[in-house]
Amino acid sequence: MNSNLQRELNRRIEHALHAQVDGEPAAIVVPSSRPDFGDYQANGVMAAAKQARTNPRQLANDVVDSLDIDDLASSVEVAGPGFLNIRLRDDVLGERIANSPLIEKDPTPLRVVIDYSSPNLAKEMHVGHLRSTVIGDAVSRCLELIGHTVIRQNHIGDWGTAFGRLIAYLDDLDDPSAMAAELADIERLYVHASQRFESDAAFADRARSKVIELQSKEPRAMSRWEHVMALAREHMSDIYARLDIALKPGDIRGESAYNDDLAPLIEELENHEGLVSESEGALCIFMPQFKTKAGDTQPMLIRKSDGGYLYHTTDLAALKYRTETLHADRVMYFTDARQILHFEMLFAAARLGKLVNENTSLEHHHFGKILGGDGKPFKTRAGDNILLRDLIDEAIERSTQTIETKNPDLDADRRADVIDAVAIGAVKYADLSKNRLHDYTFDWDEMLAFDGNTAPYLQYAYARISGIFEKGEVNPTDCKVPPVLNTAVEHQLAVHLLRFQEVIEQVATDAKPHYLCAYLYELTVRFMRFYEQCPILSETGSTKDGRLTLCARTGATLKTGLATLGIRVLTTM
């Protein structure tokens, strides 16, 4: 049984289409935008007819006549100039709802390395880290759901000039108690060191020299660095725990992990004739496809004139490690759109230097900005970055007000759990439900609403489904009677439920979680129509049992789908 109905329909229609015309034109089967016309629509016949220089409607009729699809579809009709409208059989849908697995594993699983979150630990995590963290986490969970081996890599910024600032600042503190006070509040340490760096040229020079000491592993500098890093990692882990992010300490492999690999990497690249050039004492890779605004070839620096290394160098070493040691078939990066050029140059240089396998997929999945209500990047009123811990605290505060208003009778323990799940779910879903390529406006009222395309709306739907089974004293795992689908709303709900596999596969391919959010929202809308129009517990016999099966499948799909987004469901709200 193929759980991906769209793929199965494509396969069958293409088989019939290829029998009629030369070449291998695509059937282009998509979900129908008009359920009254059908469940799926095939749009590829017209393009095939144009290529074959034949009448598209006649070709469409010929395809229908030769189509082997009676075991799946109750009707296939030609519409307009050559569209095919496909309506699925109710008995097939009912049987699959009752007995098919929620998700089938990919028969050819890949090893996928995913680089996400990756904050610079020389400063506290802020709202700018949110998108990479939640989008990368959702895509990781999605790939795991369909059977791929996912290797998370948290490529934290734990090296470089910013850490030179912190070490130089701590070195200037003679008083042990003053040093202890700075280390007790790492955000204050970041601020003080940065202010000193900007205002004191001599301090800035010392900070830069500390970077060289770090790279040469000078013991005193390393001791300071390790102390700061322990505190920074603790803060980062706390943020991940509060956001329910799957990254663990074992997933950390920051810039410092590649320090010993950089000199050998440079030597390896220099062995490729003509690849590395010297320019004003620095080592560069010049690739003709990358130009400056003036039209000159833009250099990719891999070692500075003072012997220091750069992000490009570390990222090249990381790519080599991920291919040779982690054996990645696919390497995915989630960063903001400002780094597009960086990754284009990185991937091109890695292939020229043969640091990665030819068949390894290298992918940069960029995203837009989070904006405030004024259309500018989302910041505090003072113009500072909003810290993630403060954002989470405000989400909890606002969620508390919402939940206490909607359900003041919840007991204290249950209320705290609901408040947390709603708050974190709302923040994550507000981001994930937007096309990652676009900017979006952060809006507390919109994301915490219990209607519309929001996490609370989906969580409430799951709680309502749970209430049906509690009231009826039925275990949803026991619901295996195929629904009869006597009404249009039952049919439409069943069709949508069986699209789960294709949507998960689409998210895994395109790295766009908003596809899954849109699917879950539409699923909830269709379930609510079914719930309002079709009696469930008051029915009897096979009708009641079949409708409980629809409820059970919907609940399982919502729970699995939201878990894939990193969002908890609730049985009561």
Protein backbone atom coordinates (compact mmCIF):
# COMPACT_ATOMS: atom_id res chain seq x y z
CA MET A 1 0.00 0.00 0.00
CA ASN A 2 1.44 3.35 -1.06
CA SER A 3 0.66 5.91 1.65
CA ASN A 4 1.44 8.77 -0.70
CA LEU A 5 -1.73 8.95 -2.81
CA GLN A 6 -0.43 11.85 -4.87
CA ARG A 7 2.63 9.85 -5.92
CA GLU A 8 0.51 6.80 -6.73
CA LEU A 9 -1.86 8.86 -8.87
CA ASN A 10 1.07 10.48 -10.64
CA ARG A 11 2.56 7.08 -11.38
CA ARG A 12 -0.63 5.65 -12.86
CA ILE A 13 -1.56 8.69 -14.94
CA GLU A 14 1.97 9.01 -16.26
CA HIS A 15 1.89 5.35 -17.29
CA ALA A 16 -1.24 6.02 -19.34
CA LEU A 17 0.09 9.33 -20.68
CA HIS A 18 3.42 7.86 -21.80
CA ALA A 19 1.54 5.22 -23.75
CA GLN A 20 -0.06 8.01 -25.81
CA VAL A 21 2.87 10.39 -26.48
CA ASP A 22 6.63 10.18 -26.84
CA GLY A 23 8.96 11.25 -24.08
CA GLU A 24 8.11 11.10 -20.41
CA PRO A 25 5.88 14.11 -19.67
CA ALA A 26 4.86 14.65 -16.04
CA ALA A 27 1.25 14.13 -14.96
CA ILE A 28 1.49 17.01 -12.43
CA VAL A 29 -1.10 15.69 -9.98
CA VAL A 30 -2.02 18.17 -7.24
CA PRO A 31 -4.75 18.34 -4.59
CA SER A 32 -7.89 19.88 -6.05
CA SER A 33 -8.61 23.47 -5.06
CA ARG A 34 -12.32 22.76 -5.63
CA PRO A 35 -13.47 19.65 -3.72
CA ASP A 36 -16.77 19.74 -5.58
CA PHE A 37 -14.85 18.95 -8.79
CA GLY A 38 -12.72 16.16 -7.32
CA ASP A 39 -10.08 15.24 -4.78
CA TYR A 40 -7.04 15.56 -7.05
CA GLN A 41 -6.38 17.23 -10.37
CA ALA A 42 -3.88 16.25 -13.08
CA ASN A 43 -2.55 19.27 -14.98
CA GLY A 44 0.17 17.74 -17.16
CA VAL A 45 -1.86 16.63 -20.18
CA MET A 46 -1.98 20.07 -21.80
CA ALA A 47 1.80 20.52 -21.76
CA ALA A 48 2.23 16.99 -23.14
CA ALA A 49 -0.29 17.74 -25.91
CA LYS A 50 1.53 20.93 -26.85
CA GLN A 51 4.82 19.08 -27.10
CA ALA A 52 3.20 16.32 -29.18
CA ARG A 53 1.27 18.87 -31.28
CA THR A 54 -2.05 17.24 -30.64
CA ASN A 55 -5.44 18.29 -29.28
CA PRO A 56 -5.16 18.42 -25.47
CA ARG A 57 -8.76 17.47 -24.75
CA GLN A 58 -8.59 14.49 -27.10
CA LEU A 59 -5.33 13.42 -25.47
CA ALA A 60 -6.95 13.73 -22.06
CA ASN A 61 -9.83 11.49 -23.15
CA ASP A 62 -7.36 8.94 -24.54
CA VAL A 63 -5.48 8.94 -21.24
CA VAL A 64 -8.71 8.37 -19.28
CA ASP A 65 -9.70 5.51 -21.60
CA SER A 66 -6.40 3.70 -20.99
CA LEU A 67 -6.08 4.55 -17.31
CA ASP A 68 -5.85 1.69 -14.81
CA ILE A 69 -7.27 3.38 -11.73
CA ASP A 70 -10.62 1.76 -10.92
CA ASP A 71 -9.26 0.33 -7.67
CA LEU A 72 -8.57 3.87 -6.41
CA ALA A 73 -10.93 6.29 -8.12
CA SER A 74 -14.68 6.34 -8.49
CA SER A 75 -14.43 8.79 -11.39
CA VAL A 76 -11.90 10.56 -13.62
CA GLU A 77 -13.38 13.38 -15.67
CA VAL A 78 -11.91 15.62 -18.34
CA ALA A 79 -12.49 19.32 -17.64
CA GLY A 80 -11.74 22.47 -19.58
CA PRO A 81 -8.95 22.19 -22.17
CA GLY A 82 -7.55 18.96 -20.70
CA PHE A 83 -7.51 18.86 -16.90
CA LEU A 84 -8.29 15.55 -15.24
CA ASN A 85 -10.47 15.69 -12.11
CA ILE A 86 -10.08 12.59 -9.94
CA ARG A 87 -12.51 11.55 -7.23
CA LEU A 88 -11.35 8.78 -4.89
CA ARG A 89 -13.52 5.83 -3.88
CA ASP A 90 -15.20 6.11 -0.48
CA ASP A 91 -14.57 2.47 0.37
CA VAL A 92 -10.84 2.81 -0.42
CA LEU A 93 -10.58 5.95 1.67
CA GLY A 94 -12.41 4.32 4.58
CA GLU A 95 -10.23 1.22 4.50
CA ARG A 96 -7.04 3.28 4.43
CA ILE A 97 -8.23 5.54 7.25
CA ALA A 98 -8.81 2.48 9.43
CA ASN A 99 -5.80 0.34 8.52
CA SER A 100 -2.98 2.24 6.82
CA PRO A 101 -0.03 3.51 8.87
CA LEU A 102 0.03 7.21 9.67
CA ILE A 103 3.48 7.49 8.05
CA GLU A 104 5.55 5.15 5.90
CA LYS A 105 9.33 5.27 6.16
CA ASP A 106 11.39 6.24 3.14
CA PRO A 107 12.66 3.02 1.50
CA THR A 108 16.04 4.66 0.75
CA PRO A 109 16.90 6.64 3.92
CA LEU A 110 19.71 9.18 3.82
CA ARG A 111 22.25 10.42 6.33
CA VAL A 112 21.36 14.08 6.74
CA VAL A 113 23.54 16.56 8.61
CA ILE A 114 21.58 19.63 9.68
CA ASP A 115 23.36 22.76 10.87
CA TYR A 116 20.93 24.96 12.76
CA SER A 117 20.62 27.39 15.67
CA SER A 118 24.43 27.79 15.93
CA PRO A 119 24.44 30.93 18.09
CA ASN A 120 27.51 33.03 18.74
CA LEU A 121 28.06 32.33 22.42
CA ALA A 122 29.98 35.55 22.89
CA LYS A 123 26.58 37.15 23.43
CA GLU A 124 23.29 36.03 24.89
CA MET A 125 20.78 34.30 22.63
CA HIS A 126 18.24 36.76 21.24
CA VAL A 127 15.25 36.85 18.91
CA GLY A 128 17.57 36.74 15.90
CA HIS A 129 18.36 33.12 16.81
CA LEU A 130 14.71 32.06 16.90
CA ARG A 131 14.09 31.29 13.22
CA SER A 132 17.15 29.11 12.64
CA THR A 133 16.46 27.24 15.86
CA VAL A 134 12.76 26.44 15.35
CA ILE A 135 12.86 25.93 11.56
CA GLY A 136 15.93 23.68 11.68
CA ASP A 137 14.43 21.72 14.57
CA ALA A 138 11.13 21.16 12.74
CA VAL A 139 12.84 20.00 9.55
CA SER A 140 15.08 17.66 11.59
CA ARG A 141 12.05 16.07 13.24
CA CYS A 142 10.28 15.77 9.90
CA LEU A 143 13.20 13.94 8.29
CA GLU A 144 13.43 11.58 11.27
CA LEU A 145 9.70 10.90 11.08
CA ILE A 146 10.05 9.36 7.62
CA GLY A 147 13.10 7.33 8.52
CA HIS A 148 16.17 9.38 7.60
CA THR A 149 19.19 9.40 9.90
CA VAL A 150 19.51 12.97 11.13
CA ILE A 151 22.78 14.22 12.60
CA ARG A 152 22.24 17.57 14.26
CA GLN A 153 25.20 19.93 14.31
CA ASN A 154 25.14 23.00 16.52
CA HIS A 155 28.04 24.95 14.99
CA ILE A 156 28.23 27.46 17.81
CA GLY A 157 30.40 30.55 17.57
CA ASP A 158 32.89 29.84 20.34
CA TRP A 159 36.05 31.32 18.83
CA GLY A 160 37.31 34.54 17.34
CA THR A 161 37.38 38.27 18.12
CA ALA A 162 34.30 38.28 20.33
CA PHE A 163 35.92 35.83 22.74
CA GLY A 164 39.13 37.81 22.64
CA ARG A 165 37.08 40.72 24.05
CA LEU A 166 35.76 38.64 26.94
CA ILE A 167 39.15 37.20 27.85
CA ALA A 168 40.89 40.58 27.66
CA TYR A 169 38.18 42.10 29.87
CA LEU A 170 38.53 39.35 32.48
CA ASP A 171 42.32 39.72 32.42
CA ASP A 172 41.94 43.39 33.32
CA LEU A 173 39.93 42.57 36.45
CA ASP A 174 42.41 42.23 39.32
CA ASP A 175 39.78 41.79 42.02
CA PRO A 176 38.56 38.15 42.24
CA SER A 177 35.20 39.28 43.59
CA ALA A 178 34.71 41.65 40.64
CA MET A 179 35.53 38.80 38.26
CA ALA A 180 33.08 36.51 40.03
CA ALA A 181 30.37 39.17 39.74
CA GLU A 182 30.95 39.52 35.99
CA LEU A 183 30.89 35.76 35.44
CA ALA A 184 27.69 35.44 37.48
CA ASP A 185 25.83 37.55 34.91
CA ILE A 186 27.12 36.57 31.51
CA GLU A 187 24.94 39.09 29.67
CA ARG A 188 26.45 41.91 31.73
CA LEU A 189 29.91 40.56 30.90
CA TYR A 190 29.09 40.66 27.19
CA VAL A 191 27.87 44.25 27.41
CA HIS A 192 30.83 45.54 29.46
CA ALA A 193 33.43 43.87 27.25
CA SER A 194 31.81 45.16 24.05
CA GLN A 195 31.57 48.72 25.40
CA ARG A 196 35.25 48.62 26.35
CA PHE A 197 36.18 47.27 22.92
CA GLU A 198 34.38 50.13 21.18
CA SER A 199 35.75 52.91 23.40
CA ASP A 200 39.34 51.84 24.16
CA ALA A 201 41.71 51.29 21.20
CA ALA A 202 44.42 49.75 23.38
CA PHE A 203 41.91 47.29 24.84
CA ALA A 204 40.74 46.42 21.31
CA ASP A 205 44.32 45.60 20.33
CA ARG A 206 44.71 43.37 23.40
CA ALA A 207 41.43 41.65 22.55
CA ARG A 208 42.70 40.85 19.07
CA SER A 209 45.93 39.47 20.50
CA LYS A 210 43.90 37.19 22.75
CA VAL A 211 42.37 35.63 19.65
CA ILE A 212 45.85 34.61 18.50
CA GLU A 213 46.58 33.25 21.99
CA LEU A 214 43.40 31.18 21.77
CA GLN A 215 44.36 29.80 18.39
CA SER A 216 47.77 28.82 19.78
CA LYS A 217 46.09 27.40 22.92
CA GLU A 218 47.94 29.58 25.43
CA PRO A 219 46.99 28.05 28.84
CA ARG A 220 45.76 31.19 30.62
CA ALA A 221 43.60 32.24 27.66
CA MET A 222 42.22 28.73 27.33
CA SER A 223 41.33 28.63 31.03
CA ARG A 224 39.39 31.88 30.75
CA TRP A 225 37.70 30.65 27.55
CA GLU A 226 36.63 27.34 29.10
CA HIS A 227 35.11 29.16 32.09
CA VAL A 228 33.10 31.50 29.87
CA MET A 229 32.03 28.65 27.58
CA ALA A 230 30.69 26.57 30.47
CA LEU A 231 28.43 29.43 31.49
CA ALA A 232 27.37 30.17 27.91
CA ARG A 233 26.51 26.53 27.19
CA GLU A 234 24.43 26.37 30.36
CA HIS A 235 22.45 29.42 29.26
CA MET A 236 21.99 27.99 25.76
CA SER A 237 20.81 24.61 27.08
CA ASP A 238 18.28 26.36 29.31
CA ILE A 239 16.82 28.22 26.30
CA TYR A 240 16.59 24.98 24.30
CA ALA A 241 14.85 23.21 27.18
CA ARG A 242 12.28 26.00 27.54
CA LEU A 243 11.60 26.03 23.78
CA ASP A 244 11.56 22.20 23.60
CA ILE A 245 14.34 22.10 21.02
CA ALA A 246 15.87 18.70 20.28
CA LEU A 247 19.49 19.93 20.26
CA LYS A 248 21.56 18.29 22.99
CA PRO A 249 25.11 18.97 24.33
CA GLY A 250 26.39 16.08 22.19
CA ASP A 251 25.24 17.92 19.06
CA ILE A 252 27.61 20.83 19.73
CA ARG A 253 30.56 21.04 17.39
CA GLY A 254 31.58 24.66 17.31
CA GLU A 255 34.25 26.62 15.52
CA SER A 256 36.86 25.66 18.13
CA ALA A 257 36.43 21.96 17.29
CA TYR A 258 38.08 22.59 13.92
CA ASN A 259 41.02 24.67 15.16
CA ASP A 260 43.57 21.87 14.70
CA ASP A 261 42.21 21.09 11.22
CA LEU A 262 42.69 24.55 9.72
CA ALA A 263 46.42 24.52 8.94
CA PRO A 264 46.24 21.05 7.30
CA LEU A 265 43.16 22.21 5.39
CA ILE A 266 45.03 25.20 3.96
CA GLU A 267 47.87 22.89 2.94
CA GLU A 268 45.41 20.53 1.26
CA LEU A 269 43.80 23.37 -0.69
CA GLU A 270 47.22 24.73 -1.74
CA ASN A 271 47.99 21.33 -3.25
CA HIS A 272 45.27 21.98 -5.83
CA GLU A 273 47.16 23.84 -8.53
CA GLY A 274 45.88 27.35 -9.09
CA LEU A 275 43.17 27.17 -6.45
CA VAL A 276 44.76 29.30 -3.68
CA SER A 277 46.36 32.69 -4.32
CA GLU A 278 48.18 35.16 -2.10
CA SER A 279 46.87 38.72 -1.98
CA GLU A 280 48.52 41.33 0.26
CA GLY A 281 49.78 38.59 2.56
CA ALA A 282 46.40 36.86 2.84
CA LEU A 283 45.44 33.55 1.24
CA CYS A 284 42.38 33.65 -1.02
CA ILE A 285 40.39 31.54 -3.43
CA PHE A 286 39.29 33.44 -6.53
CA MET A 287 36.26 32.03 -8.34
CA PRO A 288 35.28 33.90 -11.51
CA GLN A 289 31.52 33.50 -10.98
CA PHE A 290 31.66 35.77 -7.92
CA LYS A 291 32.08 39.45 -8.73
CA THR A 292 32.27 42.68 -6.75
CA LYS A 293 30.05 45.62 -7.67
CA ALA A 294 32.99 46.99 -9.66
CA GLY A 295 33.10 43.80 -11.73
CA ASP A 296 36.28 42.38 -10.21
CA THR A 297 36.51 38.78 -9.04
CA GLN A 298 35.58 38.67 -5.36
CA PRO A 299 38.13 36.86 -3.20
CA MET A 300 37.17 34.29 -0.62
CA LEU A 301 39.65 34.77 2.24
CA ILE A 302 40.75 31.60 3.96
CA ARG A 303 43.70 32.97 5.99
CA LYS A 304 44.36 36.55 7.02
CA SER A 305 47.73 38.26 6.63
CA ASP A 306 48.32 37.94 10.39
CA GLY A 307 47.84 34.16 10.20
CA GLY A 308 44.32 34.18 11.61
CA TYR A 309 41.52 32.14 10.10
CA LEU A 310 38.02 33.15 9.09
CA TYR A 311 34.47 31.78 9.04
CA HIS A 312 35.04 30.46 5.52
CA THR A 313 38.03 28.43 6.70
CA THR A 314 36.17 26.90 9.62
CA ASP A 315 33.11 26.19 7.47
CA LEU A 316 35.26 24.44 4.86
CA ALA A 317 36.75 22.27 7.60
CA ALA A 318 33.25 21.52 8.89
CA LEU A 319 32.07 20.47 5.42
CA LYS A 320 35.04 18.15 5.07
CA TYR A 321 34.29 16.61 8.48
CA ARG A 322 30.61 16.21 7.70
CA THR A 323 31.37 14.37 4.47
CA GLU A 324 34.38 12.28 5.46
CA THR A 325 33.57 11.51 9.11
CA LEU A 326 29.79 11.83 9.36
CA HIS A 327 29.28 10.39 5.83
CA ALA A 328 26.53 12.86 4.98
CA ASP A 329 24.42 12.31 1.87
CA ARG A 330 22.83 15.70 2.43
CA VAL A 331 24.10 18.74 4.36
CA MET A 332 21.54 21.41 5.24
CA TYR A 333 22.18 24.86 6.71
CA PHE A 334 19.54 27.15 8.20
CA THR A 335 20.64 30.78 8.44
CA ASP A 336 19.25 34.17 7.50
CA ALA A 337 19.30 35.48 3.94
CA ARG A 338 22.29 37.75 4.59
CA GLN A 339 24.53 34.69 4.33
CA ILE A 340 23.45 33.60 0.85
CA LEU A 341 26.71 34.72 -0.78
CA HIS A 342 28.78 33.15 1.99
CA PHE A 343 27.26 29.74 1.35
CA GLU A 344 27.37 30.03 -2.43
CA MET A 345 31.10 30.69 -2.21
CA LEU A 346 31.57 28.03 0.48
CA PHE A 347 29.90 25.28 -1.57
CA ALA A 348 31.73 26.27 -4.75
CA ALA A 349 35.12 26.29 -3.00
CA ALA A 350 34.43 22.97 -1.26
CA ARG A 351 33.71 21.31 -4.59
CA LEU A 352 36.74 22.87 -6.29
CA GLY A 353 38.91 21.67 -3.42
CA LYS A 354 37.28 18.23 -3.51
CA LEU A 355 36.45 18.48 0.18
CA VAL A 356 33.03 16.90 -0.35
CA ASN A 357 31.76 13.98 -2.39
CA GLU A 358 30.32 14.82 -5.80
CA ASN A 359 26.95 13.32 -4.94
CA THR A 360 26.62 15.00 -1.53
CA SER A 361 23.81 17.56 -1.60
CA LEU A 362 24.87 20.91 -0.12
CA GLU A 363 21.91 23.12 0.74
CA HIS A 364 21.52 26.56 2.27
CA HIS A 365 17.94 27.14 3.40
CA HIS A 366 17.75 30.82 4.21
CA PHE A 367 14.97 32.77 5.85
CA GLY A 368 13.70 36.32 6.23
CA LYS A 369 13.60 38.67 9.20
CA ILE A 370 11.24 38.97 12.16
CA LEU A 371 9.68 42.43 12.09
CA GLY A 372 7.95 44.54 14.70
CA GLY A 373 4.66 46.30 14.18
CA ASP A 374 6.52 49.26 12.68
CA GLY A 375 7.83 47.10 9.83
CA LYS A 376 11.41 47.28 11.16
CA PRO A 377 13.47 44.43 12.68
CA PHE A 378 11.85 43.31 15.95
CA LYS A 379 13.70 44.99 18.84
CA THR A 380 13.10 46.55 22.24
CA ARG A 381 11.89 50.14 22.48
CA ALA A 382 15.50 51.12 23.19
CA GLY A 383 16.56 49.52 19.91
CA ASP A 384 18.31 46.52 21.47
CA ASN A 385 17.94 42.89 20.46
CA ILE A 386 15.15 41.14 22.37
CA LEU A 387 16.69 38.37 24.45
CA LEU A 388 15.12 34.96 23.97
CA ARG A 389 14.72 34.46 27.71
CA ASP A 390 12.75 37.70 27.90
CA LEU A 391 10.64 36.70 24.89
CA ILE A 392 9.80 33.35 26.51
CA ASP A 393 8.97 35.04 29.81
CA GLU A 394 6.57 37.42 28.06
CA ALA A 395 4.97 34.53 26.15
CA ILE A 396 4.32 32.76 29.48
CA GLU A 397 2.90 35.95 31.00
CA ARG A 398 0.54 36.57 28.09
CA SER A 399 -0.47 32.91 27.89
CA THR A 400 -1.30 32.99 31.60
CA GLN A 401 -3.74 35.84 31.05
CA THR A 402 -5.36 34.04 28.12
CA ILE A 403 -5.77 30.66 29.84
CA GLU A 404 -6.99 32.10 33.14
CA THR A 405 -9.65 34.00 31.22
CA LYS A 406 -10.76 31.05 29.08
CA ASN A 407 -10.69 28.36 31.76
CA PRO A 408 -10.36 29.72 35.31
CA ASP A 409 -11.35 26.37 36.80
CA LEU A 410 -8.18 24.49 35.80
CA ASP A 411 -6.27 23.18 38.81
CA ALA A 412 -2.87 24.79 39.48
CA ASP A 413 -0.65 21.98 38.14
CA ARG A 414 -2.72 21.49 35.02
CA ARG A 415 -2.96 25.23 34.43
CA ALA A 416 0.83 25.63 34.54
CA ASP A 417 1.25 22.84 31.97
CA VAL A 418 -1.38 24.33 29.65
CA ILE A 419 0.10 27.84 29.95
CA ASP A 420 3.56 26.60 29.04
CA ALA A 421 2.39 24.45 26.10
CA VAL A 422 0.25 27.26 24.68
CA ALA A 423 2.95 29.92 25.14
CA ILE A 424 5.79 27.98 23.54
CA GLY A 425 3.55 26.49 20.86
CA ALA A 426 2.25 29.93 19.92
CA VAL A 427 5.72 31.43 19.49
CA LYS A 428 7.05 28.50 17.46
CA TYR A 429 3.98 28.08 15.28
CA ALA A 430 3.81 31.81 14.49
CA ASP A 431 7.25 31.45 12.92
CA LEU A 432 6.84 28.02 11.33
CA SER A 433 3.50 28.84 9.73
CA LYS A 434 5.12 31.56 7.61
CA ASN A 435 7.02 30.82 4.42
CA ARG A 436 10.60 30.96 5.69
CA LEU A 437 11.71 32.90 2.59
CA HIS A 438 9.65 35.89 3.70
CA ASP A 439 9.87 38.39 6.55
CA TYR A 440 7.01 38.23 9.05
CA THR A 441 5.56 40.56 11.67
CA PHE A 442 5.65 39.41 15.29
CA ASP A 443 2.16 39.86 16.76
CA TRP A 444 1.33 38.58 20.26
CA ASP A 445 -2.44 38.89 19.88
CA GLU A 446 -2.50 37.01 16.60
CA MET A 447 -0.27 34.11 17.70
CA LEU A 448 -2.14 33.51 20.99
CA ALA A 449 -5.61 33.61 19.42
CA PHE A 450 -7.83 30.53 19.73
CA ASP A 451 -9.10 30.93 16.18
CA GLY A 452 -7.36 31.14 12.84
CA ASN A 453 -4.10 29.52 11.81
CA THR A 454 -2.49 29.40 15.27
CA ALA A 455 -1.09 26.77 17.60
CA PRO A 456 -3.75 27.36 20.29
CA TYR A 457 -6.50 26.68 17.72
CA LEU A 458 -4.90 23.36 16.74
CA GLN A 459 -4.18 22.43 20.35
CA TYR A 460 -7.80 23.19 21.26
CA ALA A 461 -9.02 20.95 18.42
CA TYR A 462 -6.92 18.09 19.78
CA ALA A 463 -8.32 18.67 23.26
CA ARG A 464 -11.85 18.59 21.84
CA ILE A 465 -11.13 15.26 20.12
CA SER A 466 -9.70 13.89 23.37
CA GLY A 467 -12.91 14.98 25.09
CA ILE A 468 -15.00 12.93 22.66
CA PHE A 469 -13.16 9.74 23.63
CA GLU A 470 -13.23 10.59 27.33
CA LYS A 471 -16.97 11.24 27.25
CA GLY A 472 -17.65 8.10 25.24
CA GLU A 473 -15.25 6.01 27.37
CA VAL A 474 -13.55 4.81 24.20
CA ASN A 475 -9.84 4.16 23.63
CA PRO A 476 -8.92 5.80 20.29
CA THR A 477 -6.36 3.07 19.54
CA ASP A 478 -9.25 0.58 19.43
CA CYS A 479 -11.04 2.49 16.64
CA LYS A 480 -10.44 0.39 13.51
CA VAL A 481 -13.86 0.27 11.85
CA PRO A 482 -13.62 1.81 8.36
CA PRO A 483 -15.85 4.89 8.11
CA VAL A 484 -18.62 4.70 5.48
CA LEU A 485 -18.27 8.39 4.44
CA ASN A 486 -21.94 9.02 3.76
CA THR A 487 -21.55 12.80 3.67
CA ALA A 488 -19.38 15.26 1.75
CA VAL A 489 -17.70 16.51 4.94
CA GLU A 490 -16.69 12.97 5.91
CA HIS A 491 -15.29 12.32 2.44
CA GLN A 492 -13.33 15.60 2.44
CA LEU A 493 -11.93 14.94 5.92
CA ALA A 494 -10.82 11.43 4.90
CA VAL A 495 -9.10 12.68 1.75
CA HIS A 496 -7.21 15.32 3.71
CA LEU A 497 -6.16 12.87 6.41
CA LEU A 498 -4.56 10.66 3.77
CA ARG A 499 -2.52 13.59 2.43
CA PHE A 500 -0.33 13.59 5.57
CA GLN A 501 2.39 11.44 4.01
CA GLU A 502 2.76 13.62 0.92
CA VAL A 503 2.93 16.81 3.00
CA ILE A 504 5.61 15.41 5.31
CA GLU A 505 7.64 14.31 2.28
CA GLN A 506 7.23 17.77 0.75
CA VAL A 507 8.52 19.43 3.93
CA ALA A 508 11.47 17.03 4.02
CA THR A 509 12.34 17.84 0.42
CA ASP A 510 11.83 21.62 0.41
CA ALA A 511 12.65 22.37 4.08
CA LYS A 512 9.51 24.49 4.43
CA PRO A 513 7.55 23.68 7.60
CA HIS A 514 4.77 26.11 6.65
CA TYR A 515 3.45 23.37 4.32
CA LEU A 516 2.79 21.22 7.38
CA CYS A 517 1.24 24.12 9.30
CA ALA A 518 -1.13 24.87 6.43
CA TYR A 519 -2.04 21.17 6.22
CA LEU A 520 -2.77 20.91 9.95
CA TYR A 521 -4.86 24.07 9.91
CA GLU A 522 -6.94 22.84 6.97
CA LEU A 523 -7.28 19.46 8.70
CA THR A 524 -8.64 21.21 11.79
CA VAL A 525 -11.08 23.27 9.72
CA ARG A 526 -12.36 20.13 7.98
CA PHE A 527 -12.63 18.26 11.27
CA MET A 528 -14.64 21.10 12.84
CA ARG A 529 -17.09 21.00 9.90
CA PHE A 530 -17.43 17.24 10.34
CA TYR A 531 -17.87 17.63 14.12
CA GLU A 532 -20.63 20.22 13.66
CA GLN A 533 -22.53 18.34 10.96
CA CYS A 534 -22.11 14.67 11.86
CA PRO A 535 -23.31 13.25 15.21
CA ILE A 536 -20.74 10.91 16.73
CA LEU A 537 -21.47 9.55 20.19
CA SER A 538 -25.23 9.81 19.70
CA GLU A 539 -25.03 7.53 16.62
CA THR A 540 -25.11 3.76 16.82
CA GLY A 541 -23.51 0.76 15.16
CA SER A 542 -21.07 1.06 12.27
CA THR A 543 -21.83 4.73 11.68
CA LYS A 544 -20.74 5.63 15.21
CA ASP A 545 -17.71 3.33 15.05
CA GLY A 546 -16.62 4.68 11.67
CA ARG A 547 -16.91 8.28 12.81
CA LEU A 548 -14.88 7.49 15.91
CA THR A 549 -12.23 6.09 13.55
CA LEU A 550 -12.18 9.43 11.73
CA CYS A 551 -11.80 11.20 15.08
CA ALA A 552 -9.00 8.87 16.17
CA ARG A 553 -7.11 9.33 12.89
CA THR A 554 -7.51 13.11 13.10
CA GLY A 555 -6.24 13.17 16.67
CA ALA A 556 -3.24 11.00 15.83
CA THR A 557 -2.41 13.15 12.81
CA LEU A 558 -2.67 16.40 14.79
CA LYS A 559 -0.53 15.00 17.61
CA THR A 560 2.16 13.68 15.26
CA GLY A 561 2.10 16.76 13.06
CA LEU A 562 2.42 19.19 15.97
CA ALA A 563 5.14 17.05 17.56
CA THR A 564 7.02 17.27 14.26
CA LEU A 565 6.87 21.06 14.65
CA GLY A 566 8.10 20.71 18.24
CA ILE A 567 4.71 21.62 19.76
CA ARG A 568 2.92 19.72 22.53
CA VAL A 569 -0.75 18.78 22.47
CA LEU A 570 -3.11 18.90 25.44
CA THR A 571 -6.03 16.67 26.39
CA THR A 572 -7.77 19.48 28.27
CA MET A 573 -7.53 23.25 27.94
